[in-house]
Amino acid sequence: MSTIRSVPTDPKPGSRSPAQIEADIERTRLRLAGTVDAIADRVKPANVVRRTADSARSVVVDDEGYPRVARIAALGLGAVAAVSLFLWRRRR
């Protein structure tokens, strides 16, 4: 991620040439364009889905790709409990 750099201020206002001012504006524009592109990439729906899927996968699979049996069992038990509660409430 990029860092924000402060723009040096001139000791005397008006001491910069128009070319220097234009160069500063161009640098600022390029930095801003890069920031906007980074934000757009971060909120792109496909990237959000990928990050969410990776996060969900990391809950049930460890870093080496092996299943986390205890977590899978806990998730299964929770699902069975939720379905059982739903069916029990529906019968009453």
PDB file of N, CA and C in Angstrom:
ATOM      1  N   MET A   1       0.850  -1.165   0.000  1.00  0.00           N
ATOM      2  CA  MET A   1       0.000   0.000   0.000  1.00  0.00           C
ATOM      3  C   MET A   1       0.895   1.227   0.000  1.00  0.00           C
ATOM      4  N   SER A   2       0.479   2.225  -0.694  1.00  0.00           N
ATOM      5  CA  SER A   2       1.310   3.416  -0.811  1.00  0.00           C
ATOM      6  C   SER A   2       1.190   4.280   0.435  1.00  0.00           C
ATOM      7  N   THR A   3       2.224   5.063   0.654  1.00  0.00           N
ATOM      8  CA  THR A   3       2.212   5.968   1.793  1.00  0.00           C
ATOM      9  C   THR A   3       1.952   7.376   1.300  1.00  0.00           C
ATOM     10  N   ILE A   4       1.393   8.162   2.174  1.00  0.00           N
ATOM     11  CA  ILE A   4       1.116   9.552   1.828  1.00  0.00           C
ATOM     12  C   ILE A   4       2.362  10.366   2.156  1.00  0.00           C
ATOM     13  N   ARG A   5       2.839  11.089   1.165  1.00  0.00           N
ATOM     14  CA  ARG A   5       4.012  11.929   1.363  1.00  0.00           C
ATOM     15  C   ARG A   5       3.581  13.381   1.375  1.00  0.00           C
ATOM     16  N   SER A   6       4.163  14.118   2.266  1.00  0.00           N
ATOM     17  CA  SER A   6       3.822  15.537   2.304  1.00  0.00           C
ATOM     18  C   SER A   6       4.538  16.264   1.166  1.00  0.00           C
ATOM     19  N   VAL A   7       3.869  17.233   0.641  1.00  0.00           N
ATOM     20  CA  VAL A   7       4.436  18.034  -0.439  1.00  0.00           C
ATOM     21  C   VAL A   7       5.222  19.171   0.201  1.00  0.00           C
ATOM     22  N   PRO A   8       6.493  19.322  -0.171  1.00  0.00           N
ATOM     23  CA  PRO A   8       7.271  20.398   0.437  1.00  0.00           C
ATOM     24  C   PRO A   8       6.679  21.748   0.081  1.00  0.00           C
ATOM     25  N   THR A   9       6.652  22.607   1.051  1.00  0.00           N
ATOM     26  CA  THR A   9       6.118  23.945   0.798  1.00  0.00           C
ATOM     27  C   THR A   9       7.267  24.887   0.486  1.00  0.00           C
ATOM     28  N   ASP A  10       6.998  25.819  -0.391  1.00  0.00           N
ATOM     29  CA  ASP A  10       8.010  26.801  -0.770  1.00  0.00           C
ATOM     30  C   ASP A  10       8.082  27.892   0.301  1.00  0.00           C
ATOM     31  N   PRO A  11       9.294  28.338   0.604  1.00  0.00           N
ATOM     32  CA  PRO A  11       9.415  29.401   1.597  1.00  0.00           C
ATOM     33  C   PRO A  11       8.767  30.697   1.122  1.00  0.00           C
ATOM     34  N   LYS A  12       8.817  30.951  -0.182  1.00  0.00           N
ATOM     35  CA  LYS A  12       8.223  32.173  -0.722  1.00  0.00           C
ATOM     36  C   LYS A  12       7.111  31.798  -1.694  1.00  0.00           C
ATOM     37  N   PRO A  13       5.877  32.221  -1.394  1.00  0.00           N
ATOM     38  CA  PRO A  13       4.807  31.928  -2.350  1.00  0.00           C
ATOM     39  C   PRO A  13       5.112  32.587  -3.692  1.00  0.00           C
ATOM     40  N   GLY A  14       4.799  31.889  -4.767  1.00  0.00           N
ATOM     41  CA  GLY A  14       5.021  32.433  -6.100  1.00  0.00           C
ATOM     42  C   GLY A  14       6.440  32.254  -6.605  1.00  0.00           C
ATOM     43  N   SER A  15       7.281  31.510  -5.857  1.00  0.00           N
ATOM     44  CA  SER A  15       8.661  31.337  -6.302  1.00  0.00           C
ATOM     45  C   SER A  15       8.812  30.168  -7.276  1.00  0.00           C
ATOM     46  N   ARG A  16       7.754  29.393  -7.470  1.00  0.00           N
ATOM     47  CA  ARG A  16       7.832  28.268  -8.405  1.00  0.00           C
ATOM     48  C   ARG A  16       7.433  28.722  -9.800  1.00  0.00           C
ATOM     49  N   SER A  17       8.029  28.101 -10.749  1.00  0.00           N
ATOM     50  CA  SER A  17       7.701  28.422 -12.144  1.00  0.00           C
ATOM     51  C   SER A  17       6.431  27.672 -12.544  1.00  0.00           C
ATOM     52  N   PRO A  18       5.776  28.095 -13.590  1.00  0.00           N
ATOM     53  CA  PRO A  18       4.593  27.375 -14.075  1.00  0.00           C
ATOM     54  C   PRO A  18       4.911  25.914 -14.416  1.00  0.00           C
ATOM     55  N   ALA A  19       6.085  25.654 -14.932  1.00  0.00           N
ATOM     56  CA  ALA A  19       6.471  24.268 -15.259  1.00  0.00           C
ATOM     57  C   ALA A  19       6.559  23.419 -13.996  1.00  0.00           C
ATOM     58  N   GLN A  20       7.084  23.985 -12.899  1.00  0.00           N
ATOM     59  CA  GLN A  20       7.163  23.248 -11.639  1.00  0.00           C
ATOM     60  C   GLN A  20       5.763  22.974 -11.094  1.00  0.00           C
ATOM     61  N   ILE A  21       4.899  23.960 -11.191  1.00  0.00           N
ATOM     62  CA  ILE A  21       3.526  23.776 -10.717  1.00  0.00           C
ATOM     63  C   ILE A  21       2.826  22.704 -11.541  1.00  0.00           C
ATOM     64  N   GLU A  22       2.995  22.740 -12.852  1.00  0.00           N
ATOM     65  CA  GLU A  22       2.392  21.724 -13.714  1.00  0.00           C
ATOM     66  C   GLU A  22       2.937  20.344 -13.390  1.00  0.00           C
ATOM     67  N   ALA A  23       4.231  20.236 -13.118  1.00  0.00           N
ATOM     68  CA  ALA A  23       4.829  18.944 -12.767  1.00  0.00           C
ATOM     69  C   ALA A  23       4.246  18.429 -11.450  1.00  0.00           C
ATOM     70  N   ASP A  24       4.074  19.323 -10.473  1.00  0.00           N
ATOM     71  CA  ASP A  24       3.463  18.935  -9.191  1.00  0.00           C
ATOM     72  C   ASP A  24       2.033  18.460  -9.396  1.00  0.00           C
ATOM     73  N   ILE A  25       1.283  19.166 -10.216  1.00  0.00           N
ATOM     74  CA  ILE A  25      -0.103  18.773 -10.494  1.00  0.00           C
ATOM     75  C   ILE A  25      -0.140  17.410 -11.162  1.00  0.00           C
ATOM     76  N   GLU A  26       0.753  17.168 -12.107  1.00  0.00           N
ATOM     77  CA  GLU A  26       0.801  15.877 -12.807  1.00  0.00           C
ATOM     78  C   GLU A  26       1.156  14.745 -11.846  1.00  0.00           C
ATOM     79  N   ARG A  27       2.131  14.969 -10.961  1.00  0.00           N
ATOM     80  CA  ARG A  27       2.487  13.946  -9.967  1.00  0.00           C
ATOM     81  C   ARG A  27       1.304  13.652  -9.046  1.00  0.00           C
ATOM     82  N   THR A  28       0.628  14.696  -8.618  1.00  0.00           N
ATOM     83  CA  THR A  28      -0.532  14.515  -7.746  1.00  0.00           C
ATOM     84  C   THR A  28      -1.639  13.767  -8.477  1.00  0.00           C
ATOM     85  N   ARG A  29      -1.854  14.106  -9.730  1.00  0.00           N
ATOM     86  CA  ARG A  29      -2.880  13.429 -10.526  1.00  0.00           C
ATOM     87  C   ARG A  29      -2.566  11.946 -10.677  1.00  0.00           C
ATOM     88  N   LEU A  30      -1.308  11.630 -10.935  1.00  0.00           N
ATOM     89  CA  LEU A  30      -0.914  10.228 -11.083  1.00  0.00           C
ATOM     90  C   LEU A  30      -1.074   9.460  -9.775  1.00  0.00           C
ATOM     91  N   ARG A  31      -0.696  10.076  -8.654  1.00  0.00           N
ATOM     92  CA  ARG A  31      -0.882   9.439  -7.349  1.00  0.00           C
ATOM     93  C   ARG A  31      -2.357   9.192  -7.081  1.00  0.00           C
ATOM     94  N   LEU A  32      -3.186  10.195  -7.367  1.00  0.00           N
ATOM     95  CA  LEU A  32      -4.619  10.064  -7.157  1.00  0.00           C
ATOM     96  C   LEU A  32      -5.204   8.978  -8.053  1.00  0.00           C
ATOM     97  N   ALA A  33      -4.775   8.919  -9.300  1.00  0.00           N
ATOM     98  CA  ALA A  33      -5.259   7.882 -10.214  1.00  0.00           C
ATOM     99  C   ALA A  33      -4.883   6.498  -9.696  1.00  0.00           C
ATOM    100  N   GLY A  34      -3.674   6.356  -9.169  1.00  0.00           N
ATOM    101  CA  GLY A  34      -3.255   5.076  -8.600  1.00  0.00           C
ATOM    102  C   GLY A  34      -4.094   4.690  -7.396  1.00  0.00           C
ATOM    103  N   THR A  35      -4.415   5.661  -6.570  1.00  0.00           N
ATOM    104  CA  THR A  35      -5.234   5.401  -5.390  1.00  0.00           C
ATOM    105  C   THR A  35      -6.641   4.981  -5.801  1.00  0.00           C
ATOM    106  N   VAL A  36      -7.213   5.685  -6.764  1.00  0.00           N
ATOM    107  CA  VAL A  36      -8.550   5.341  -7.241  1.00  0.00           C
ATOM    108  C   VAL A  36      -8.550   3.943  -7.855  1.00  0.00           C
ATOM    109  N   ASP A  37      -7.526   3.609  -8.620  1.00  0.00           N
ATOM    110  CA  ASP A  37      -7.431   2.271  -9.211  1.00  0.00           C
ATOM    111  C   ASP A  37      -7.340   1.201  -8.127  1.00  0.00           C
ATOM    112  N   ALA A  38      -6.562   1.465  -7.078  1.00  0.00           N
ATOM    113  CA  ALA A  38      -6.426   0.498  -5.983  1.00  0.00           C
ATOM    114  C   ALA A  38      -7.761   0.302  -5.271  1.00  0.00           C
ATOM    115  N   ILE A  39      -8.483   1.380  -5.042  1.00  0.00           N
ATOM    116  CA  ILE A  39      -9.795   1.275  -4.386  1.00  0.00           C
ATOM    117  C   ILE A  39     -10.761   0.513  -5.291  1.00  0.00           C
ATOM    118  N   ALA A  40     -10.778   0.816  -6.569  1.00  0.00           N
ATOM    119  CA  ALA A  40     -11.667   0.129  -7.508  1.00  0.00           C
ATOM    120  C   ALA A  40     -11.363  -1.360  -7.548  1.00  0.00           C
ATOM    121  N   ASP A  41     -10.088  -1.726  -7.515  1.00  0.00           N
ATOM    122  CA  ASP A  41      -9.698  -3.129  -7.521  1.00  0.00           C
ATOM    123  C   ASP A  41     -10.148  -3.814  -6.239  1.00  0.00           C
ATOM    124  N   ARG A  42     -10.050  -3.107  -5.132  1.00  0.00           N
ATOM    125  CA  ARG A  42     -10.424  -3.689  -3.833  1.00  0.00           C
ATOM    126  C   ARG A  42     -11.923  -3.957  -3.734  1.00  0.00           C
ATOM    127  N   VAL A  43     -12.750  -3.109  -4.321  1.00  0.00           N
ATOM    128  CA  VAL A  43     -14.197  -3.283  -4.200  1.00  0.00           C
ATOM    129  C   VAL A  43     -14.818  -3.989  -5.404  1.00  0.00           C
ATOM    130  N   LYS A  44     -14.008  -4.415  -6.347  1.00  0.00           N
ATOM    131  CA  LYS A  44     -14.509  -5.148  -7.511  1.00  0.00           C
ATOM    132  C   LYS A  44     -15.202  -6.427  -7.018  1.00  0.00           C
ATOM    133  N   PRO A  45     -16.439  -6.665  -7.439  1.00  0.00           N
ATOM    134  CA  PRO A  45     -17.198  -7.805  -6.914  1.00  0.00           C
ATOM    135  C   PRO A  45     -16.467  -9.146  -7.015  1.00  0.00           C
ATOM    136  N   ALA A  46     -15.785  -9.405  -8.103  1.00  0.00           N
ATOM    137  CA  ALA A  46     -15.072 -10.680  -8.242  1.00  0.00           C
ATOM    138  C   ALA A  46     -13.987 -10.817  -7.175  1.00  0.00           C
ATOM    139  N   ASN A  47     -13.303  -9.721  -6.872  1.00  0.00           N
ATOM    140  CA  ASN A  47     -12.262  -9.771  -5.845  1.00  0.00           C
ATOM    141  C   ASN A  47     -12.856  -9.924  -4.456  1.00  0.00           C
ATOM    142  N   VAL A  48     -14.002  -9.300  -4.206  1.00  0.00           N
ATOM    143  CA  VAL A  48     -14.674  -9.451  -2.912  1.00  0.00           C
ATOM    144  C   VAL A  48     -15.096 -10.903  -2.719  1.00  0.00           C
ATOM    145  N   VAL A  49     -15.660 -11.507  -3.775  1.00  0.00           N
ATOM    146  CA  VAL A  49     -16.078 -12.912  -3.709  1.00  0.00           C
ATOM    147  C   VAL A  49     -14.873 -13.808  -3.456  1.00  0.00           C
ATOM    148  N   ARG A  50     -13.770 -13.553  -4.161  1.00  0.00           N
ATOM    149  CA  ARG A  50     -12.564 -14.374  -3.978  1.00  0.00           C
ATOM    150  C   ARG A  50     -12.045 -14.284  -2.550  1.00  0.00           C
ATOM    151  N   ARG A  51     -11.975 -13.063  -2.007  1.00  0.00           N
ATOM    152  CA  ARG A  51     -11.490 -12.903  -0.629  1.00  0.00           C
ATOM    153  C   ARG A  51     -12.416 -13.586   0.371  1.00  0.00           C
ATOM    154  N   THR A  52     -13.738 -13.481   0.144  1.00  0.00           N
ATOM    155  CA  THR A  52     -14.699 -14.115   1.039  1.00  0.00           C
ATOM    156  C   THR A  52     -14.565 -15.632   0.979  1.00  0.00           C
ATOM    157  N   ALA A  53     -14.426 -16.175  -0.226  1.00  0.00           N
ATOM    158  CA  ALA A  53     -14.264 -17.624  -0.382  1.00  0.00           C
ATOM    159  C   ALA A  53     -12.964 -18.093   0.265  1.00  0.00           C
ATOM    160  N   ASP A  54     -11.893 -17.341   0.080  1.00  0.00           N
ATOM    161  CA  ASP A  54     -10.617 -17.702   0.713  1.00  0.00           C
ATOM    162  C   ASP A  54     -10.745 -17.695   2.229  1.00  0.00           C
ATOM    163  N   SER A  55     -11.455 -16.716   2.747  1.00  0.00           N
ATOM    164  CA  SER A  55     -11.650 -16.620   4.191  1.00  0.00           C
ATOM    165  C   SER A  55     -12.475 -17.804   4.705  1.00  0.00           C
ATOM    166  N   ALA A  56     -13.538 -18.131   3.996  1.00  0.00           N
ATOM    167  CA  ALA A  56     -14.375 -19.265   4.408  1.00  0.00           C
ATOM    168  C   ALA A  56     -13.592 -20.573   4.304  1.00  0.00           C
ATOM    169  N   ARG A  57     -12.805 -20.705   3.248  1.00  0.00           N
ATOM    170  CA  ARG A  57     -12.006 -21.919   3.069  1.00  0.00           C
ATOM    171  C   ARG A  57     -10.979 -22.078   4.186  1.00  0.00           C
ATOM    172  N   SER A  58     -10.415 -20.967   4.632  1.00  0.00           N
ATOM    173  CA  SER A  58      -9.396 -21.048   5.679  1.00  0.00           C
ATOM    174  C   SER A  58      -9.984 -21.521   7.012  1.00  0.00           C
ATOM    175  N   VAL A  59     -11.307 -21.441   7.160  1.00  0.00           N
ATOM    176  CA  VAL A  59     -11.938 -21.924   8.387  1.00  0.00           C
ATOM    177  C   VAL A  59     -11.919 -23.446   8.424  1.00  0.00           C
ATOM    178  N   VAL A  60     -12.099 -24.098   7.282  1.00  0.00           N
ATOM    179  CA  VAL A  60     -12.203 -25.558   7.263  1.00  0.00           C
ATOM    180  C   VAL A  60     -10.972 -26.258   6.701  1.00  0.00           C
ATOM    181  N   VAL A  61     -10.017 -25.510   6.138  1.00  0.00           N
ATOM    182  CA  VAL A  61      -8.803 -26.107   5.582  1.00  0.00           C
ATOM    183  C   VAL A  61      -7.602 -25.349   6.138  1.00  0.00           C
ATOM    184  N   ASP A  62      -6.582 -26.107   6.578  1.00  0.00           N
ATOM    185  CA  ASP A  62      -5.401 -25.436   7.130  1.00  0.00           C
ATOM    186  C   ASP A  62      -4.491 -24.952   6.000  1.00  0.00           C
ATOM    187  N   ASP A  63      -3.359 -24.370   6.374  1.00  0.00           N
ATOM    188  CA  ASP A  63      -2.441 -23.782   5.395  1.00  0.00           C
ATOM    189  C   ASP A  63      -1.852 -24.802   4.423  1.00  0.00           C
ATOM    190  N   GLU A  64      -1.782 -26.063   4.833  1.00  0.00           N
ATOM    191  CA  GLU A  64      -1.227 -27.101   3.967  1.00  0.00           C
ATOM    192  C   GLU A  64      -2.281 -27.785   3.122  1.00  0.00           C
ATOM    193  N   GLY A  65      -3.553 -27.393   3.265  1.00  0.00           N
ATOM    194  CA  GLY A  65      -4.616 -27.968   2.465  1.00  0.00           C
ATOM    195  C   GLY A  65      -5.338 -29.132   3.110  1.00  0.00           C
ATOM    196  N   TYR A  66      -5.000 -29.456   4.344  1.00  0.00           N
ATOM    197  CA  TYR A  66      -5.656 -30.550   5.044  1.00  0.00           C
ATOM    198  C   TYR A  66      -6.907 -30.043   5.761  1.00  0.00           C
ATOM    199  N   PRO A  67      -7.952 -30.880   5.785  1.00  0.00           N
ATOM    200  CA  PRO A  67      -9.183 -30.433   6.457  1.00  0.00           C
ATOM    201  C   PRO A  67      -8.980 -30.317   7.966  1.00  0.00           C
ATOM    202  N   ARG A  68      -9.638 -29.323   8.545  1.00  0.00           N
ATOM    203  CA  ARG A  68      -9.623 -29.153  10.002  1.00  0.00           C
ATOM    204  C   ARG A  68     -10.843 -29.901  10.543  1.00  0.00           C
ATOM    205  N   VAL A  69     -10.619 -31.140  10.932  1.00  0.00           N
ATOM    206  CA  VAL A  69     -11.703 -32.058  11.287  1.00  0.00           C
ATOM    207  C   VAL A  69     -12.538 -31.500  12.437  1.00  0.00           C
ATOM    208  N   ALA A  70     -11.906 -30.952  13.433  1.00  0.00           N
ATOM    209  CA  ALA A  70     -12.651 -30.441  14.588  1.00  0.00           C
ATOM    210  C   ALA A  70     -13.593 -29.305  14.177  1.00  0.00           C
ATOM    211  N   ARG A  71     -13.126 -28.422  13.322  1.00  0.00           N
ATOM    212  CA  ARG A  71     -13.984 -27.310  12.888  1.00  0.00           C
ATOM    213  C   ARG A  71     -15.107 -27.792  11.978  1.00  0.00           C
ATOM    214  N   ILE A  72     -14.793 -28.743  11.102  1.00  0.00           N
ATOM    215  CA  ILE A  72     -15.835 -29.281  10.224  1.00  0.00           C
ATOM    216  C   ILE A  72     -16.898 -29.978  11.059  1.00  0.00           C
ATOM    217  N   ALA A  73     -16.482 -30.740  12.072  1.00  0.00           N
ATOM    218  CA  ALA A  73     -17.436 -31.414  12.944  1.00  0.00           C
ATOM    219  C   ALA A  73     -18.288 -30.407  13.701  1.00  0.00           C
ATOM    220  N   ALA A  74     -17.671 -29.343  14.191  1.00  0.00           N
ATOM    221  CA  ALA A  74     -18.425 -28.319  14.917  1.00  0.00           C
ATOM    222  C   ALA A  74     -19.429 -27.629  13.995  1.00  0.00           C
ATOM    223  N   LEU A  75     -19.029 -27.330  12.763  1.00  0.00           N
ATOM    224  CA  LEU A  75     -19.956 -26.715  11.808  1.00  0.00           C
ATOM    225  C   LEU A  75     -21.104 -27.668  11.468  1.00  0.00           C
ATOM    226  N   GLY A  76     -20.794 -28.936  11.294  1.00  0.00           N
ATOM    227  CA  GLY A  76     -21.833 -29.935  11.009  1.00  0.00           C
ATOM    228  C   GLY A  76     -22.793 -30.079  12.170  1.00  0.00           C
ATOM    229  N   LEU A  77     -22.264 -30.118  13.375  1.00  0.00           N
ATOM    230  CA  LEU A  77     -23.096 -30.222  14.572  1.00  0.00           C
ATOM    231  C   LEU A  77     -23.996 -28.994  14.696  1.00  0.00           C
ATOM    232  N   GLY A  78     -23.451 -27.835  14.419  1.00  0.00           N
ATOM    233  CA  GLY A  78     -24.254 -26.614  14.463  1.00  0.00           C
ATOM    234  C   GLY A  78     -25.366 -26.632  13.426  1.00  0.00           C
ATOM    235  N   ALA A  79     -25.062 -27.121  12.232  1.00  0.00           N
ATOM    236  CA  ALA A  79     -26.082 -27.200  11.182  1.00  0.00           C
ATOM    237  C   ALA A  79     -27.185 -28.176  11.564  1.00  0.00           C
ATOM    238  N   VAL A  80     -26.803 -29.328  12.110  1.00  0.00           N
ATOM    239  CA  VAL A  80     -27.791 -30.314  12.553  1.00  0.00           C
ATOM    240  C   VAL A  80     -28.655 -29.723  13.663  1.00  0.00           C
ATOM    241  N   ALA A  81     -28.052 -29.015  14.592  1.00  0.00           N
ATOM    242  CA  ALA A  81     -28.810 -28.401  15.681  1.00  0.00           C
ATOM    243  C   ALA A  81     -29.780 -27.347  15.148  1.00  0.00           C
ATOM    244  N   ALA A  82     -29.344 -26.542  14.198  1.00  0.00           N
ATOM    245  CA  ALA A  82     -30.220 -25.506  13.636  1.00  0.00           C
ATOM    246  C   ALA A  82     -31.398 -26.127  12.900  1.00  0.00           C
ATOM    247  N   VAL A  83     -31.157 -27.161  12.097  1.00  0.00           N
ATOM    248  CA  VAL A  83     -32.237 -27.831  11.370  1.00  0.00           C
ATOM    249  C   VAL A  83     -33.177 -28.507  12.348  1.00  0.00           C
ATOM    250  N   SER A  84     -32.642 -29.149  13.358  1.00  0.00           N
ATOM    251  CA  SER A  84     -33.475 -29.810  14.369  1.00  0.00           C
ATOM    252  C   SER A  84     -34.357 -28.806  15.090  1.00  0.00           C
ATOM    253  N   LEU A  85     -33.792 -27.684  15.470  1.00  0.00           N
ATOM    254  CA  LEU A  85     -34.561 -26.642  16.152  1.00  0.00           C
ATOM    255  C   LEU A  85     -35.660 -26.110  15.232  1.00  0.00           C
ATOM    256  N   PHE A  86     -35.339 -25.891  13.970  1.00  0.00           N
ATOM    257  CA  PHE A  86     -36.324 -25.416  13.004  1.00  0.00           C
ATOM    258  C   PHE A  86     -37.479 -26.411  12.873  1.00  0.00           C
ATOM    259  N   LEU A  87     -37.157 -27.691  12.705  1.00  0.00           N
ATOM    260  CA  LEU A  87     -38.199 -28.710  12.560  1.00  0.00           C
ATOM    261  C   LEU A  87     -39.015 -28.855  13.841  1.00  0.00           C
ATOM    262  N   TRP A  88     -38.363 -28.809  14.963  1.00  0.00           N
ATOM    263  CA  TRP A  88     -39.069 -28.933  16.258  1.00  0.00           C
ATOM    264  C   TRP A  88     -40.037 -27.754  16.441  1.00  0.00           C
ATOM    265  N   ARG A  89     -39.606 -26.543  16.130  1.00  0.00           N
ATOM    266  CA  ARG A  89     -40.464 -25.354  16.263  1.00  0.00           C
ATOM    267  C   ARG A  89     -41.622 -25.409  15.273  1.00  0.00           C
ATOM    268  N   ARG A  90     -41.385 -25.983  14.114  1.00  0.00           N
ATOM    269  CA  ARG A  90     -42.424 -26.044  13.094  1.00  0.00           C
ATOM    270  C   ARG A  90     -43.538 -27.025  13.487  1.00  0.00           C
ATOM    271  N   ARG A  91     -43.204 -28.083  14.197  1.00  0.00           N
ATOM    272  CA  ARG A  91     -44.192 -29.074  14.623  1.00  0.00           C
ATOM    273  C   ARG A  91     -45.070 -28.553  15.739  1.00  0.00           C
ATOM    274  N   ARG A  92     -44.602 -27.618  16.512  1.00  0.00           N
ATOM    275  CA  ARG A  92     -45.364 -27.126  17.674  1.00  0.00           C
ATOM    276  C   ARG A  92     -46.438 -26.218  17.262  1.00  0.00           C
TER     277      ARG A  92
END
